[in-house]
Amino acid sequence: MKKNINLCIDLKTIMQEDALLNPGQCYRGVLSRTSEDQYLFEEETHKPVDRHGRRNPKLFDGRYVSLVHMQNGKYQVHMRTIDASANLDRKDLAFQVYSELLDAFTIID
């Protein structure tokens, strides 16, 4: 294990609930170096972790879509299963999915 203290850096945070990082609290998420002295921390959603552990933190978890930050730095959108036997208003469903995608994409700067 190698330890280091990074001095004089800018840390931008995208948090689920807390506006500021609370002393002594641990947060799950992704810490990325965006430039020489700038870092970005994105907190994952507060859903239970599956028994296998999660390698790619989920940053948004909506009714229709979820947004995951991959280890390669890219983001991936997942869509939930839709019950085709239900009476669906396709235009309404498409608009709801679209609205959630916009909400999820606000996390990405």
PDB file of N, CA and C in Angstrom:
ATOM      1  N   MET A   1       0.844  -1.165   0.000  1.00  0.00           N
ATOM      2  CA  MET A   1       0.000   0.000   0.000  1.00  0.00           C
ATOM      3  C   MET A   1       0.893   1.233   0.000  1.00  0.00           C
ATOM      4  N   LYS A   2       0.551   2.183  -0.844  1.00  0.00           N
ATOM      5  CA  LYS A   2       1.301   3.432  -0.931  1.00  0.00           C
ATOM      6  C   LYS A   2       0.399   4.571  -0.505  1.00  0.00           C
ATOM      7  N   LYS A   3       0.897   5.419   0.372  1.00  0.00           N
ATOM      8  CA  LYS A   3       0.121   6.543   0.880  1.00  0.00           C
ATOM      9  C   LYS A   3       0.712   7.843   0.372  1.00  0.00           C
ATOM     10  N   ASN A   4      -0.156   8.821   0.194  1.00  0.00           N
ATOM     11  CA  ASN A   4       0.283  10.118  -0.272  1.00  0.00           C
ATOM     12  C   ASN A   4      -0.726  11.158   0.196  1.00  0.00           C
ATOM     13  N   ILE A   5      -0.282  12.375   0.385  1.00  0.00           N
ATOM     14  CA  ILE A   5      -1.158  13.493   0.690  1.00  0.00           C
ATOM     15  C   ILE A   5      -1.071  14.458  -0.478  1.00  0.00           C
ATOM     16  N   ASN A   6      -2.209  14.697  -1.118  1.00  0.00           N
ATOM     17  CA  ASN A   6      -2.269  15.634  -2.239  1.00  0.00           C
ATOM     18  C   ASN A   6      -2.609  17.018  -1.689  1.00  0.00           C
ATOM     19  N   LEU A   7      -1.689  17.955  -1.829  1.00  0.00           N
ATOM     20  CA  LEU A   7      -1.892  19.304  -1.319  1.00  0.00           C
ATOM     21  C   LEU A   7      -2.425  20.220  -2.414  1.00  0.00           C
ATOM     22  N   CYS A   8      -3.152  21.236  -2.002  1.00  0.00           N
ATOM     23  CA  CYS A   8      -3.632  22.299  -2.904  1.00  0.00           C
ATOM     24  C   CYS A   8      -4.364  21.741  -4.125  1.00  0.00           C
ATOM     25  N   ILE A   9      -5.411  20.986  -3.868  1.00  0.00           N
ATOM     26  CA  ILE A   9      -6.198  20.428  -4.968  1.00  0.00           C
ATOM     27  C   ILE A   9      -7.620  20.983  -4.917  1.00  0.00           C
ATOM     28  N   ASP A  10      -8.307  20.911  -6.029  1.00  0.00           N
ATOM     29  CA  ASP A  10      -9.731  21.234  -6.098  1.00  0.00           C
ATOM     30  C   ASP A  10     -10.488  19.921  -6.186  1.00  0.00           C
ATOM     31  N   LEU A  11     -11.441  19.737  -5.275  1.00  0.00           N
ATOM     32  CA  LEU A  11     -12.257  18.523  -5.267  1.00  0.00           C
ATOM     33  C   LEU A  11     -13.705  18.911  -5.499  1.00  0.00           C
ATOM     34  N   LYS A  12     -14.248  18.463  -6.626  1.00  0.00           N
ATOM     35  CA  LYS A  12     -15.663  18.672  -6.917  1.00  0.00           C
ATOM     36  C   LYS A  12     -16.391  17.405  -6.498  1.00  0.00           C
ATOM     37  N   THR A  13     -17.513  17.554  -5.786  1.00  0.00           N
ATOM     38  CA  THR A  13     -18.271  16.392  -5.338  1.00  0.00           C
ATOM     39  C   THR A  13     -19.668  16.419  -5.940  1.00  0.00           C
ATOM     40  N   ILE A  14     -20.146  15.241  -6.308  1.00  0.00           N
ATOM     41  CA  ILE A  14     -21.530  15.050  -6.719  1.00  0.00           C
ATOM     42  C   ILE A  14     -22.100  14.031  -5.743  1.00  0.00           C
ATOM     43  N   MET A  15     -22.915  14.541  -4.806  1.00  0.00           N
ATOM     44  CA  MET A  15     -23.400  13.732  -3.702  1.00  0.00           C
ATOM     45  C   MET A  15     -24.885  13.425  -3.872  1.00  0.00           C
ATOM     46  N   GLN A  16     -25.332  12.326  -3.273  1.00  0.00           N
ATOM     47  CA  GLN A  16     -26.732  11.937  -3.341  1.00  0.00           C
ATOM     48  C   GLN A  16     -27.590  12.764  -2.382  1.00  0.00           C
ATOM     49  N   GLU A  17     -27.115  12.973  -1.145  1.00  0.00           N
ATOM     50  CA  GLU A  17     -27.912  13.692  -0.146  1.00  0.00           C
ATOM     51  C   GLU A  17     -27.129  14.801   0.536  1.00  0.00           C
ATOM     52  N   ASP A  18     -25.940  14.519   1.043  1.00  0.00           N
ATOM     53  CA  ASP A  18     -25.149  15.522   1.758  1.00  0.00           C
ATOM     54  C   ASP A  18     -24.605  16.550   0.778  1.00  0.00           C
ATOM     55  N   ALA A  19     -24.713  17.829   1.144  1.00  0.00           N
ATOM     56  CA  ALA A  19     -24.149  18.877   0.289  1.00  0.00           C
ATOM     57  C   ALA A  19     -22.632  18.917   0.438  1.00  0.00           C
ATOM     58  N   LEU A  20     -22.153  18.690   1.657  1.00  0.00           N
ATOM     59  CA  LEU A  20     -20.720  18.687   1.945  1.00  0.00           C
ATOM     60  C   LEU A  20     -20.331  17.343   2.548  1.00  0.00           C
ATOM     61  N   LEU A  21     -19.067  16.988   2.398  1.00  0.00           N
ATOM     62  CA  LEU A  21     -18.577  15.749   3.020  1.00  0.00           C
ATOM     63  C   LEU A  21     -18.563  15.936   4.530  1.00  0.00           C
ATOM     64  N   ASN A  22     -19.148  14.982   5.247  1.00  0.00           N
ATOM     65  CA  ASN A  22     -19.196  15.045   6.710  1.00  0.00           C
ATOM     66  C   ASN A  22     -17.959  14.393   7.304  1.00  0.00           C
ATOM     67  N   PRO A  23     -17.345  15.039   8.297  1.00  0.00           N
ATOM     68  CA  PRO A  23     -16.151  14.458   8.928  1.00  0.00           C
ATOM     69  C   PRO A  23     -16.453  13.081   9.521  1.00  0.00           C
ATOM     70  N   GLY A  24     -15.567  12.130   9.292  1.00  0.00           N
ATOM     71  CA  GLY A  24     -15.692  10.796   9.861  1.00  0.00           C
ATOM     72  C   GLY A  24     -16.638   9.866   9.118  1.00  0.00           C
ATOM     73  N   GLN A  25     -17.329  10.350   8.101  1.00  0.00           N
ATOM     74  CA  GLN A  25     -18.261   9.499   7.354  1.00  0.00           C
ATOM     75  C   GLN A  25     -17.578   8.961   6.107  1.00  0.00           C
ATOM     76  N   CYS A  26     -17.801   7.682   5.823  1.00  0.00           N
ATOM     77  CA  CYS A  26     -17.249   7.054   4.619  1.00  0.00           C
ATOM     78  C   CYS A  26     -18.298   7.094   3.519  1.00  0.00           C
ATOM     79  N   TYR A  27     -17.863   7.387   2.303  1.00  0.00           N
ATOM     80  CA  TYR A  27     -18.752   7.463   1.160  1.00  0.00           C
ATOM     81  C   TYR A  27     -18.279   6.472   0.103  1.00  0.00           C
ATOM     82  N   ARG A  28     -19.253   5.780  -0.533  1.00  0.00           N
ATOM     83  CA  ARG A  28     -18.939   4.881  -1.647  1.00  0.00           C
ATOM     84  C   ARG A  28     -19.148   5.636  -2.939  1.00  0.00           C
ATOM     85  N   GLY A  29     -18.200   5.469  -3.858  1.00  0.00           N
ATOM     86  CA  GLY A  29     -18.355   6.137  -5.134  1.00  0.00           C
ATOM     87  C   GLY A  29     -17.083   6.054  -5.954  1.00  0.00           C
ATOM     88  N   VAL A  30     -16.917   7.015  -6.843  1.00  0.00           N
ATOM     89  CA  VAL A  30     -15.792   7.039  -7.767  1.00  0.00           C
ATOM     90  C   VAL A  30     -15.031   8.343  -7.583  1.00  0.00           C
ATOM     91  N   LEU A  31     -13.717   8.234  -7.404  1.00  0.00           N
ATOM     92  CA  LEU A  31     -12.846   9.400  -7.341  1.00  0.00           C
ATOM     93  C   LEU A  31     -11.998   9.393  -8.597  1.00  0.00           C
ATOM     94  N   SER A  32     -12.092  10.466  -9.384  1.00  0.00           N
ATOM     95  CA  SER A  32     -11.357  10.562 -10.646  1.00  0.00           C
ATOM     96  C   SER A  32     -10.484  11.807 -10.636  1.00  0.00           C
ATOM     97  N   ARG A  33      -9.345  11.696 -11.267  1.00  0.00           N
ATOM     98  CA  ARG A  33      -8.482  12.862 -11.455  1.00  0.00           C
ATOM     99  C   ARG A  33      -8.822  13.444 -12.817  1.00  0.00           C
ATOM    100  N   THR A  34      -9.339  14.668 -12.826  1.00  0.00           N
ATOM    101  CA  THR A  34      -9.806  15.265 -14.070  1.00  0.00           C
ATOM    102  C   THR A  34      -8.746  16.133 -14.738  1.00  0.00           C
ATOM    103  N   SER A  35      -7.796  16.640 -13.973  1.00  0.00           N
ATOM    104  CA  SER A  35      -6.674  17.397 -14.530  1.00  0.00           C
ATOM    105  C   SER A  35      -5.551  17.386 -13.489  1.00  0.00           C
ATOM    106  N   GLU A  36      -4.544  18.196 -13.690  1.00  0.00           N
ATOM    107  CA  GLU A  36      -3.353  18.169 -12.826  1.00  0.00           C
ATOM    108  C   GLU A  36      -3.693  18.303 -11.338  1.00  0.00           C
ATOM    109  N   ASP A  37      -4.496  19.298 -10.999  1.00  0.00           N
ATOM    110  CA  ASP A  37      -4.817  19.531  -9.588  1.00  0.00           C
ATOM    111  C   ASP A  37      -6.320  19.522  -9.322  1.00  0.00           C
ATOM    112  N   GLN A  38      -7.083  18.854 -10.167  1.00  0.00           N
ATOM    113  CA  GLN A  38      -8.521  18.808  -9.987  1.00  0.00           C
ATOM    114  C   GLN A  38      -9.005  17.361  -9.943  1.00  0.00           C
ATOM    115  N   TYR A  39      -9.911  17.118  -8.989  1.00  0.00           N
ATOM    116  CA  TYR A  39     -10.457  15.782  -8.778  1.00  0.00           C
ATOM    117  C   TYR A  39     -11.975  15.863  -8.739  1.00  0.00           C
ATOM    118  N   LEU A  40     -12.618  14.738  -9.044  1.00  0.00           N
ATOM    119  CA  LEU A  40     -14.067  14.636  -9.023  1.00  0.00           C
ATOM    120  C   LEU A  40     -14.444  13.396  -8.226  1.00  0.00           C
ATOM    121  N   PHE A  41     -15.338  13.565  -7.238  1.00  0.00           N
ATOM    122  CA  PHE A  41     -15.880  12.430  -6.497  1.00  0.00           C
ATOM    123  C   PHE A  41     -17.365  12.356  -6.781  1.00  0.00           C
ATOM    124  N   GLU A  42     -17.839  11.181  -7.246  1.00  0.00           N
ATOM    125  CA  GLU A  42     -19.252  10.942  -7.520  1.00  0.00           C
ATOM    126  C   GLU A  42     -19.730   9.840  -6.583  1.00  0.00           C
ATOM    127  N   GLU A  43     -20.660  10.187  -5.694  1.00  0.00           N
ATOM    128  CA  GLU A  43     -21.172   9.207  -4.735  1.00  0.00           C
ATOM    129  C   GLU A  43     -22.192   8.307  -5.418  1.00  0.00           C
ATOM    130  N   GLU A  44     -22.120   7.002  -5.125  1.00  0.00           N
ATOM    131  CA  GLU A  44     -23.096   6.075  -5.698  1.00  0.00           C
ATOM    132  C   GLU A  44     -24.396   6.142  -4.917  1.00  0.00           C
ATOM    133  N   THR A  45     -25.463   5.609  -5.515  1.00  0.00           N
ATOM    134  CA  THR A  45     -26.763   5.604  -4.849  1.00  0.00           C
ATOM    135  C   THR A  45     -26.698   4.707  -3.623  1.00  0.00           C
ATOM    136  N   HIS A  46     -27.651   4.890  -2.735  1.00  0.00           N
ATOM    137  CA  HIS A  46     -27.645   4.153  -1.472  1.00  0.00           C
ATOM    138  C   HIS A  46     -28.499   2.899  -1.538  1.00  0.00           C
ATOM    139  N   LYS A  47     -28.322   2.121  -2.577  1.00  0.00           N
ATOM    140  CA  LYS A  47     -29.019   0.846  -2.696  1.00  0.00           C
ATOM    141  C   LYS A  47     -28.154  -0.235  -2.052  1.00  0.00           C
ATOM    142  N   PRO A  48     -28.764  -1.311  -1.528  1.00  0.00           N
ATOM    143  CA  PRO A  48     -27.958  -2.381  -0.942  1.00  0.00           C
ATOM    144  C   PRO A  48     -26.991  -2.982  -1.961  1.00  0.00           C
ATOM    145  N   VAL A  49     -25.804  -3.312  -1.505  1.00  0.00           N
ATOM    146  CA  VAL A  49     -24.800  -3.939  -2.362  1.00  0.00           C
ATOM    147  C   VAL A  49     -25.134  -5.416  -2.478  1.00  0.00           C
ATOM    148  N   ASP A  50     -25.052  -5.954  -3.692  1.00  0.00           N
ATOM    149  CA  ASP A  50     -25.349  -7.370  -3.868  1.00  0.00           C
ATOM    150  C   ASP A  50     -24.272  -8.233  -3.210  1.00  0.00           C
ATOM    151  N   ARG A  51     -24.534  -9.504  -3.078  1.00  0.00           N
ATOM    152  CA  ARG A  51     -23.623 -10.386  -2.334  1.00  0.00           C
ATOM    153  C   ARG A  51     -22.289 -10.590  -3.041  1.00  0.00           C
ATOM    154  N   HIS A  52     -22.207 -10.256  -4.318  1.00  0.00           N
ATOM    155  CA  HIS A  52     -20.957 -10.415  -5.056  1.00  0.00           C
ATOM    156  C   HIS A  52     -20.096  -9.155  -5.006  1.00  0.00           C
ATOM    157  N   GLY A  53     -20.646  -8.077  -4.466  1.00  0.00           N
ATOM    158  CA  GLY A  53     -19.913  -6.813  -4.451  1.00  0.00           C
ATOM    159  C   GLY A  53     -20.080  -6.106  -5.778  1.00  0.00           C
ATOM    160  N   ARG A  54     -20.003  -4.822  -5.763  1.00  0.00           N
ATOM    161  CA  ARG A  54     -20.212  -4.043  -6.971  1.00  0.00           C
ATOM    162  C   ARG A  54     -18.911  -3.414  -7.403  1.00  0.00           C
ATOM    163  N   ARG A  55     -18.506  -3.637  -8.640  1.00  0.00           N
ATOM    164  CA  ARG A  55     -17.259  -3.070  -9.146  1.00  0.00           C
ATOM    165  C   ARG A  55     -17.478  -1.706  -9.761  1.00  0.00           C
ATOM    166  N   ASN A  56     -18.653  -1.476 -10.333  1.00  0.00           N
ATOM    167  CA  ASN A  56     -18.951  -0.214 -10.989  1.00  0.00           C
ATOM    168  C   ASN A  56     -20.089   0.473 -10.235  1.00  0.00           C
ATOM    169  N   PRO A  57     -19.798   1.549  -9.520  1.00  0.00           N
ATOM    170  CA  PRO A  57     -20.820   2.189  -8.690  1.00  0.00           C
ATOM    171  C   PRO A  57     -21.980   2.743  -9.520  1.00  0.00           C
ATOM    172  N   LYS A  58     -23.170   2.554  -9.002  1.00  0.00           N
ATOM    173  CA  LYS A  58     -24.376   3.069  -9.630  1.00  0.00           C
ATOM    174  C   LYS A  58     -24.582   4.489  -9.106  1.00  0.00           C
ATOM    175  N   LEU A  59     -24.579   5.463  -9.999  1.00  0.00           N
ATOM    176  CA  LEU A  59     -24.695   6.866  -9.616  1.00  0.00           C
ATOM    177  C   LEU A  59     -26.128   7.371  -9.665  1.00  0.00           C
ATOM    178  N   PHE A  60     -26.975   6.711 -10.459  1.00  0.00           N
ATOM    179  CA  PHE A  60     -28.385   7.078 -10.564  1.00  0.00           C
ATOM    180  C   PHE A  60     -29.184   5.792 -10.656  1.00  0.00           C
ATOM    181  N   ASP A  61     -30.277   5.725  -9.891  1.00  0.00           N
ATOM    182  CA  ASP A  61     -31.111   4.523  -9.897  1.00  0.00           C
ATOM    183  C   ASP A  61     -32.564   4.947  -9.938  1.00  0.00           C
ATOM    184  N   GLY A  62     -33.115   5.018 -11.120  1.00  0.00           N
ATOM    185  CA  GLY A  62     -34.492   5.465 -11.290  1.00  0.00           C
ATOM    186  C   GLY A  62     -35.453   4.317 -11.502  1.00  0.00           C
ATOM    187  N   ARG A  63     -36.670   4.666 -11.849  1.00  0.00           N
ATOM    188  CA  ARG A  63     -37.703   3.654 -12.072  1.00  0.00           C
ATOM    189  C   ARG A  63     -37.471   2.901 -13.381  1.00  0.00           C
ATOM    190  N   TYR A  64     -36.925   3.600 -14.387  1.00  0.00           N
ATOM    191  CA  TYR A  64     -36.740   2.997 -15.706  1.00  0.00           C
ATOM    192  C   TYR A  64     -35.279   2.792 -16.100  1.00  0.00           C
ATOM    193  N   VAL A  65     -34.407   3.682 -15.658  1.00  0.00           N
ATOM    194  CA  VAL A  65     -32.999   3.607 -16.053  1.00  0.00           C
ATOM    195  C   VAL A  65     -32.085   3.767 -14.842  1.00  0.00           C
ATOM    196  N   SER A  66     -30.867   3.268 -15.008  1.00  0.00           N
ATOM    197  CA  SER A  66     -29.824   3.501 -14.010  1.00  0.00           C
ATOM    198  C   SER A  66     -28.556   3.903 -14.764  1.00  0.00           C
ATOM    199  N   LEU A  67     -27.681   4.624 -14.063  1.00  0.00           N
ATOM    200  CA  LEU A  67     -26.437   5.117 -14.651  1.00  0.00           C
ATOM    201  C   LEU A  67     -25.278   4.593 -13.821  1.00  0.00           C
ATOM    202  N   VAL A  68     -24.332   3.953 -14.492  1.00  0.00           N
ATOM    203  CA  VAL A  68     -23.180   3.333 -13.826  1.00  0.00           C
ATOM    204  C   VAL A  68     -21.906   3.991 -14.337  1.00  0.00           C
ATOM    205  N   HIS A  69     -20.944   4.212 -13.433  1.00  0.00           N
ATOM    206  CA  HIS A  69     -19.633   4.732 -13.827  1.00  0.00           C
ATOM    207  C   HIS A  69     -18.693   3.535 -13.938  1.00  0.00           C
ATOM    208  N   MET A  70     -18.240   3.272 -15.143  1.00  0.00           N
ATOM    209  CA  MET A  70     -17.393   2.117 -15.406  1.00  0.00           C
ATOM    210  C   MET A  70     -15.956   2.391 -14.954  1.00  0.00           C
ATOM    211  N   GLN A  71     -15.189   1.326 -14.746  1.00  0.00           N
ATOM    212  CA  GLN A  71     -13.804   1.474 -14.318  1.00  0.00           C
ATOM    213  C   GLN A  71     -12.931   2.148 -15.372  1.00  0.00           C
ATOM    214  N   ASN A  72     -13.347   2.104 -16.633  1.00  0.00           N
ATOM    215  CA  ASN A  72     -12.565   2.738 -17.694  1.00  0.00           C
ATOM    216  C   ASN A  72     -12.873   4.227 -17.818  1.00  0.00           C
ATOM    217  N   GLY A  73     -13.690   4.771 -16.899  1.00  0.00           N
ATOM    218  CA  GLY A  73     -14.002   6.193 -16.883  1.00  0.00           C
ATOM    219  C   GLY A  73     -15.247   6.566 -17.662  1.00  0.00           C
ATOM    220  N   LYS A  74     -15.817   5.620 -18.404  1.00  0.00           N
ATOM    221  CA  LYS A  74     -17.017   5.898 -19.180  1.00  0.00           C
ATOM    222  C   LYS A  74     -18.251   5.619 -18.336  1.00  0.00           C
ATOM    223  N   TYR A  75     -19.383   6.148 -18.793  1.00  0.00           N
ATOM    224  CA  TYR A  75     -20.656   5.929 -18.121  1.00  0.00           C
ATOM    225  C   TYR A  75     -21.498   4.976 -18.969  1.00  0.00           C
ATOM    226  N   GLN A  76     -22.293   4.149 -18.283  1.00  0.00           N
ATOM    227  CA  GLN A  76     -23.161   3.203 -18.982  1.00  0.00           C
ATOM    228  C   GLN A  76     -24.575   3.343 -18.445  1.00  0.00           C
ATOM    229  N   VAL A  77     -25.538   3.377 -19.352  1.00  0.00           N
ATOM    230  CA  VAL A  77     -26.948   3.474 -18.982  1.00  0.00           C
ATOM    231  C   VAL A  77     -27.570   2.091 -19.121  1.00  0.00           C
ATOM    232  N   HIS A  78     -28.321   1.690 -18.104  1.00  0.00           N
ATOM    233  CA  HIS A  78     -29.050   0.426 -18.126  1.00  0.00           C
ATOM    234  C   HIS A  78     -30.535   0.736 -18.058  1.00  0.00           C
ATOM    235  N   MET A  79     -31.325   0.012 -18.853  1.00  0.00           N
ATOM    236  CA  MET A  79     -32.771   0.177 -18.810  1.00  0.00           C
ATOM    237  C   MET A  79     -33.392  -1.041 -18.157  1.00  0.00           C
ATOM    238  N   ARG A  80     -34.382  -0.796 -17.324  1.00  0.00           N
ATOM    239  CA  ARG A  80     -35.052  -1.889 -16.628  1.00  0.00           C
ATOM    240  C   ARG A  80     -35.985  -2.647 -17.581  1.00  0.00           C
ATOM    241  N   THR A  81     -36.341  -3.838 -17.180  1.00  0.00           N
ATOM    242  CA  THR A  81     -37.252  -4.666 -17.957  1.00  0.00           C
ATOM    243  C   THR A  81     -38.649  -4.040 -17.961  1.00  0.00           C
ATOM    244  N   ILE A  82     -39.301  -4.084 -19.113  1.00  0.00           N
ATOM    245  CA  ILE A  82     -40.646  -3.540 -19.252  1.00  0.00           C
ATOM    246  C   ILE A  82     -41.609  -4.706 -19.444  1.00  0.00           C
ATOM    247  N   ASP A  83     -42.734  -4.668 -18.745  1.00  0.00           N
ATOM    248  CA  ASP A  83     -43.758  -5.700 -18.870  1.00  0.00           C
ATOM    249  C   ASP A  83     -44.574  -5.425 -20.134  1.00  0.00           C
ATOM    250  N   ALA A  84     -44.339  -6.195 -21.174  1.00  0.00           N
ATOM    251  CA  ALA A  84     -45.006  -5.986 -22.457  1.00  0.00           C
ATOM    252  C   ALA A  84     -46.484  -6.346 -22.399  1.00  0.00           C
ATOM    253  N   SER A  85     -46.888  -7.159 -21.419  1.00  0.00           N
ATOM    254  CA  SER A  85     -48.291  -7.553 -21.331  1.00  0.00           C
ATOM    255  C   SER A  85     -49.148  -6.473 -20.673  1.00  0.00           C
ATOM    256  N   ALA A  86     -48.506  -5.502 -20.033  1.00  0.00           N
ATOM    257  CA  ALA A  86     -49.250  -4.425 -19.385  1.00  0.00           C
ATOM    258  C   ALA A  86     -49.767  -3.452 -20.442  1.00  0.00           C
ATOM    259  N   ASN A  87     -50.864  -2.783 -20.116  1.00  0.00           N
ATOM    260  CA  ASN A  87     -51.383  -1.754 -21.019  1.00  0.00           C
ATOM    261  C   ASN A  87     -50.473  -0.539 -20.918  1.00  0.00           C
ATOM    262  N   LEU A  88     -49.632  -0.360 -21.927  1.00  0.00           N
ATOM    263  CA  LEU A  88     -48.668   0.734 -21.910  1.00  0.00           C
ATOM    264  C   LEU A  88     -49.053   1.802 -22.913  1.00  0.00           C
ATOM    265  N   ASP A  89     -49.010   3.032 -22.479  1.00  0.00           N
ATOM    266  CA  ASP A  89     -49.088   4.145 -23.408  1.00  0.00           C
ATOM    267  C   ASP A  89     -47.652   4.390 -23.845  1.00  0.00           C
ATOM    268  N   ARG A  90     -47.305   3.968 -25.033  1.00  0.00           N
ATOM    269  CA  ARG A  90     -45.914   3.986 -25.485  1.00  0.00           C
ATOM    270  C   ARG A  90     -45.318   5.381 -25.497  1.00  0.00           C
ATOM    271  N   LYS A  91     -46.097   6.362 -25.883  1.00  0.00           N
ATOM    272  CA  LYS A  91     -45.590   7.738 -25.892  1.00  0.00           C
ATOM    273  C   LYS A  91     -45.304   8.219 -24.472  1.00  0.00           C
ATOM    274  N   ASP A  92     -46.191   7.883 -23.549  1.00  0.00           N
ATOM    275  CA  ASP A  92     -45.990   8.279 -22.150  1.00  0.00           C
ATOM    276  C   ASP A  92     -44.766   7.577 -21.563  1.00  0.00           C
ATOM    277  N   LEU A  93     -44.630   6.284 -21.851  1.00  0.00           N
ATOM    278  CA  LEU A  93     -43.468   5.531 -21.372  1.00  0.00           C
ATOM    279  C   LEU A  93     -42.172   6.124 -21.935  1.00  0.00           C
ATOM    280  N   ALA A  94     -42.167   6.414 -23.231  1.00  0.00           N
ATOM    281  CA  ALA A  94     -40.974   6.991 -23.856  1.00  0.00           C
ATOM    282  C   ALA A  94     -40.627   8.334 -23.224  1.00  0.00           C
ATOM    283  N   PHE A  95     -41.635   9.141 -22.921  1.00  0.00           N
ATOM    284  CA  PHE A  95     -41.369  10.435 -22.286  1.00  0.00           C
ATOM    285  C   PHE A  95     -40.818  10.253 -20.870  1.00  0.00           C
ATOM    286  N   GLN A  96     -41.349   9.294 -20.116  1.00  0.00           N
ATOM    287  CA  GLN A  96     -40.863   9.035 -18.762  1.00  0.00           C
ATOM    288  C   GLN A  96     -39.409   8.552 -18.787  1.00  0.00           C
ATOM    289  N   VAL A  97     -39.077   7.669 -19.734  1.00  0.00           N
ATOM    290  CA  VAL A  97     -37.692   7.196 -19.875  1.00  0.00           C
ATOM    291  C   VAL A  97     -36.792   8.367 -20.250  1.00  0.00           C
ATOM    292  N   TYR A  98     -37.235   9.177 -21.198  1.00  0.00           N
ATOM    293  CA  TYR A  98     -36.488  10.373 -21.624  1.00  0.00           C
ATOM    294  C   TYR A  98     -36.233  11.308 -20.438  1.00  0.00           C
ATOM    295  N   SER A  99     -37.260  11.554 -19.633  1.00  0.00           N
ATOM    296  CA  SER A  99     -37.119  12.443 -18.470  1.00  0.00           C
ATOM    297  C   SER A  99     -36.105  11.895 -17.472  1.00  0.00           C
ATOM    298  N   GLU A 100     -36.150  10.584 -17.244  1.00  0.00           N
ATOM    299  CA  GLU A 100     -35.176   9.984 -16.326  1.00  0.00           C
ATOM    300  C   GLU A 100     -33.766  10.049 -16.877  1.00  0.00           C
ATOM    301  N   LEU A 101     -33.614   9.862 -18.177  1.00  0.00           N
ATOM    302  CA  LEU A 101     -32.283   9.978 -18.785  1.00  0.00           C
ATOM    303  C   LEU A 101     -31.714  11.381 -18.591  1.00  0.00           C
ATOM    304  N   LEU A 102     -32.561  12.384 -18.758  1.00  0.00           N
ATOM    305  CA  LEU A 102     -32.099  13.758 -18.518  1.00  0.00           C
ATOM    306  C   LEU A 102     -31.651  13.939 -17.074  1.00  0.00           C
ATOM    307  N   ASP A 103     -32.422  13.397 -16.126  1.00  0.00           N
ATOM    308  CA  ASP A 103     -32.045  13.472 -14.710  1.00  0.00           C
ATOM    309  C   ASP A 103     -30.708  12.769 -14.472  1.00  0.00           C
ATOM    310  N   ALA A 104     -30.544  11.598 -15.068  1.00  0.00           N
ATOM    311  CA  ALA A 104     -29.301  10.832 -14.888  1.00  0.00           C
ATOM    312  C   ALA A 104     -28.122  11.586 -15.495  1.00  0.00           C
ATOM    313  N   PHE A 105     -28.310  12.191 -16.657  1.00  0.00           N
ATOM    314  CA  PHE A 105     -27.223  12.882 -17.334  1.00  0.00           C
ATOM    315  C   PHE A 105     -26.798  14.170 -16.623  1.00  0.00           C
ATOM    316  N   THR A 106     -27.639  14.703 -15.722  1.00  0.00           N
ATOM    317  CA  THR A 106     -27.219  15.897 -14.987  1.00  0.00           C
ATOM    318  C   THR A 106     -26.067  15.572 -14.038  1.00  0.00           C
ATOM    319  N   ILE A 107     -25.881  14.306 -13.734  1.00  0.00           N
ATOM    320  CA  ILE A 107     -24.779  13.891 -12.862  1.00  0.00           C
ATOM    321  C   ILE A 107     -23.447  14.038 -13.595  1.00  0.00           C
ATOM    322  N   ILE A 108     -23.475  13.832 -14.915  1.00  0.00           N
ATOM    323  CA  ILE A 108     -22.257  13.942 -15.716  1.00  0.00           C
ATOM    324  C   ILE A 108     -22.056  15.395 -16.102  1.00  0.00           C
ATOM    325  N   ASP A 109     -20.936  15.948 -15.786  1.00  0.00           N
ATOM    326  CA  ASP A 109     -20.658  17.353 -16.122  1.00  0.00           C
ATOM    327  C   ASP A 109     -19.987  17.460 -17.455  1.00  0.00           C
TER     328      ASP A 109
END
